[in-house]
Amino acid sequence: MEQQPGAANDEQEVLARTVADVMRTAVVTIAVDETVLVAWELLERYGSRHLPVVRQDGRCAGLLDRADVAVACAAPAASLSRLRVDELLPAHRPALVHAEQTVRRAADLMSCTEADALPVLEEDGRLAGVLTAADIVAALAGRPVRKEPADARPQPPSTVLPGLPPRRGYRGTAVP
């Protein structure tokens, strides 16, 4: 496969950029003490594959993957109302990057840990956004940073939990 002249330089420029230049900042988050049912509802409503978990002080506790939440939701319904998000987080420290680190560093970390997304932290440990493999590919392709939640796309209507507004673009009624 032939490479366009200057393509290697463009790739190097993208990899030298900071994570803050490439990451998504408009991410949906969930509190550590929230239930797994609410986590699933947020993932469904926003069509996300990843859900950052934050503590009350705004510091990142980890990143849930849609598959992890789906597996947990296979438990009997009675136990789901008692299962908290923090119980799904791995016991080990999650892989993460800081906003000022390079995309190359983040890509290396994603490759080593086989992660397809990383929480991005500010200097004080607060969540700044999420960097996904799709964000890196989009940057390499010259596409602008998406400002909507990660992996947002229209989804078919699903049950809406009481107290939560209907999904964007959903024209039906909420189920009480």
Protein backbone atom coordinates (compact mmCIF):
# COMPACT_ATOMS: atom_id res chain seq x y z
CA MET A 1 0.00 0.00 0.00
CA GLU A 2 1.42 3.34 -1.01
CA GLN A 3 1.59 6.15 1.46
CA GLN A 4 0.84 9.72 0.45
CA PRO A 5 3.79 12.10 0.65
CA GLY A 6 3.63 13.88 3.97
CA ALA A 7 1.32 11.27 5.52
CA ALA A 8 4.06 10.06 7.87
CA ASN A 9 4.66 13.64 8.97
CA ASP A 10 0.92 14.11 9.57
CA GLU A 11 0.85 10.93 11.69
CA GLN A 12 3.83 12.14 13.72
CA GLU A 13 2.13 15.51 14.24
CA VAL A 14 -1.02 13.82 15.55
CA LEU A 15 0.95 11.52 17.85
CA ALA A 16 2.86 14.53 19.21
CA ARG A 17 -0.36 16.40 20.06
CA THR A 18 -1.65 16.42 23.62
CA VAL A 19 -4.44 14.12 24.67
CA ALA A 20 -6.49 17.24 25.47
CA ASP A 21 -6.46 18.11 21.75
CA VAL A 22 -7.96 14.78 20.71
CA MET A 23 -10.13 13.54 23.61
CA ARG A 24 -13.87 13.90 24.08
CA THR A 25 -14.81 16.30 26.83
CA ALA A 26 -18.59 15.93 26.73
CA VAL A 27 -18.82 12.57 28.44
CA VAL A 28 -21.61 11.10 30.51
CA THR A 29 -20.40 10.09 33.99
CA ILE A 30 -21.81 8.13 36.90
CA ALA A 31 -21.19 8.37 40.66
CA VAL A 32 -19.48 5.48 42.44
CA ASP A 33 -22.48 4.87 44.70
CA GLU A 34 -25.05 4.69 41.87
CA THR A 35 -26.72 1.39 40.96
CA VAL A 36 -25.78 -0.82 38.05
CA LEU A 37 -29.31 -0.31 36.67
CA VAL A 38 -28.69 3.42 36.36
CA ALA A 39 -25.33 2.71 34.71
CA TRP A 40 -27.05 0.53 32.12
CA GLU A 41 -29.73 3.17 31.51
CA LEU A 42 -27.07 5.83 30.89
CA LEU A 43 -25.14 3.57 28.52
CA GLU A 44 -28.34 2.79 26.61
CA ARG A 45 -29.65 6.34 26.54
CA TYR A 46 -26.46 7.89 25.22
CA GLY A 47 -25.31 4.93 23.11
CA SER A 48 -21.95 4.94 24.89
CA ARG A 49 -19.51 2.07 25.16
CA HIS A 50 -17.70 3.55 28.15
CA LEU A 51 -18.90 5.17 31.34
CA PRO A 52 -16.45 7.05 33.58
CA VAL A 53 -17.08 6.56 37.29
CA VAL A 54 -16.44 9.59 39.49
CA ARG A 55 -16.23 10.15 43.23
CA GLN A 56 -18.12 12.97 44.95
CA ASP A 57 -15.09 15.26 44.69
CA GLY A 58 -14.99 14.79 40.88
CA ARG A 59 -11.94 12.51 40.91
CA CYS A 60 -12.04 9.55 38.56
CA ALA A 61 -12.53 6.13 40.17
CA GLY A 62 -12.39 4.15 36.93
CA LEU A 63 -14.03 3.42 33.61
CA LEU A 64 -16.83 0.92 33.06
CA ASP A 65 -17.17 -0.86 29.78
CA ARG A 66 -20.60 -1.61 28.34
CA ALA A 67 -19.80 -5.35 28.34
CA ASP A 68 -18.97 -5.34 32.07
CA VAL A 69 -22.28 -3.68 32.90
CA ALA A 70 -24.18 -6.04 30.58
CA VAL A 71 -22.68 -9.08 32.33
CA ALA A 72 -23.63 -7.64 35.73
CA CYS A 73 -27.18 -7.01 34.49
CA ALA A 74 -27.57 -10.74 33.81
CA ALA A 75 -27.95 -11.23 37.59
CA PRO A 76 -31.44 -11.63 39.07
CA ALA A 77 -33.37 -8.36 38.97
CA ALA A 78 -33.83 -8.24 42.75
CA SER A 79 -30.08 -8.10 43.31
CA LEU A 80 -29.49 -5.40 40.67
CA SER A 81 -31.11 -2.67 42.74
CA ARG A 82 -28.51 -3.34 45.46
CA LEU A 83 -25.46 -3.73 43.20
CA ARG A 84 -23.42 -0.51 43.10
CA VAL A 85 -21.20 0.73 40.29
CA ASP A 86 -18.05 0.70 42.46
CA GLU A 87 -18.45 -3.07 42.88
CA LEU A 88 -17.86 -3.48 39.12
CA LEU A 89 -14.62 -1.51 39.09
CA PRO A 90 -11.47 -3.63 38.96
CA ALA A 91 -9.50 -3.94 42.18
CA HIS A 92 -6.32 -2.74 40.45
CA ARG A 93 -5.68 0.87 39.50
CA PRO A 94 -7.15 1.63 36.07
CA ALA A 95 -5.00 2.69 33.15
CA LEU A 96 -5.36 6.44 32.66
CA VAL A 97 -3.64 9.40 31.09
CA HIS A 98 -3.33 13.06 31.88
CA ALA A 99 -4.62 15.72 29.51
CA GLU A 100 -1.15 17.17 28.88
CA GLN A 101 0.43 13.82 27.88
CA THR A 102 0.96 13.03 24.21
CA VAL A 103 -1.34 10.96 22.04
CA ARG A 104 1.66 8.67 21.42
CA ARG A 105 1.93 7.97 25.18
CA ALA A 106 -1.81 7.27 25.36
CA ALA A 107 -1.69 4.99 22.30
CA ASP A 108 1.24 3.07 23.80
CA LEU A 109 -0.65 2.66 27.07
CA MET A 110 -3.79 1.51 25.25
CA SER A 111 -1.73 -1.00 23.30
CA CYS A 112 0.05 -2.38 26.40
CA THR A 113 -3.13 -2.69 28.47
CA GLU A 114 -5.35 -3.75 25.54
CA ALA A 115 -7.75 -0.94 26.48
CA ASP A 116 -9.87 0.76 23.84
CA ALA A 117 -10.55 3.78 26.04
CA LEU A 118 -8.81 5.68 28.82
CA PRO A 119 -10.09 8.19 31.34
CA VAL A 120 -8.24 11.50 30.96
CA LEU A 121 -7.41 13.41 34.12
CA GLU A 122 -6.59 17.00 34.91
CA GLU A 123 -3.56 17.72 37.09
CA ASP A 124 -5.70 17.56 40.25
CA GLY A 125 -7.04 14.09 39.38
CA ARG A 126 -10.45 15.28 38.26
CA LEU A 127 -11.92 13.75 35.13
CA ALA A 128 -11.26 15.89 32.05
CA GLY A 129 -12.70 13.54 29.44
CA VAL A 130 -12.26 10.18 27.75
CA LEU A 131 -9.86 9.20 24.99
CA THR A 132 -10.97 6.30 22.80
CA ALA A 133 -9.17 4.42 20.06
CA ALA A 134 -11.79 5.88 17.70
CA ASP A 135 -10.69 9.40 18.74
CA ILE A 136 -7.09 8.61 17.80
CA VAL A 137 -8.11 7.11 14.46
CA ALA A 138 -10.32 10.14 13.73
CA ALA A 139 -7.40 12.49 14.52
CA LEU A 140 -5.12 10.50 12.22
CA ALA A 141 -7.78 10.75 9.51
CA GLY A 142 -7.90 14.53 9.98
CA ARG A 143 -11.42 14.61 11.39
CA PRO A 144 -12.36 17.21 14.02
CA VAL A 145 -12.83 16.24 17.67
CA ARG A 146 -16.40 15.20 18.44
CA LYS A 147 -17.95 17.16 21.26
CA GLU A 148 -20.76 14.71 21.99
CA PRO A 149 -20.49 11.71 24.36
CA ALA A 150 -18.24 8.89 23.24
CA ASP A 151 -19.78 6.55 20.69
CA ALA A 152 -23.04 8.53 20.62
CA ARG A 153 -25.39 7.35 17.92
CA PRO A 154 -29.14 7.01 17.58
CA GLN A 155 -30.49 3.98 19.40
CA PRO A 156 -33.93 2.38 19.38
CA PRO A 157 -36.15 3.48 22.27
CA SER A 158 -35.68 1.64 25.55
CA THR A 159 -37.36 1.77 28.92
CA VAL A 160 -36.71 5.04 30.71
CA LEU A 161 -36.12 4.93 34.45
CA PRO A 162 -38.28 7.24 36.57
CA GLY A 163 -36.64 10.56 37.29
CA LEU A 164 -34.43 10.51 34.19
CA PRO A 165 -35.38 12.58 31.16
CA PRO A 166 -36.02 10.72 27.89
CA ARG A 167 -33.10 10.12 25.55
CA ARG A 168 -32.26 12.86 23.07
CA GLY A 169 -34.39 12.46 19.96
CA TYR A 170 -36.77 9.99 21.66
CA ARG A 171 -40.32 10.95 20.77
CA GLY A 172 -42.16 8.35 22.85
CA THR A 173 -43.24 8.59 26.46
CA ALA A 174 -41.31 7.62 29.56
CA VAL A 175 -42.35 4.44 31.34
CA PRO A 176 -43.20 5.23 34.99
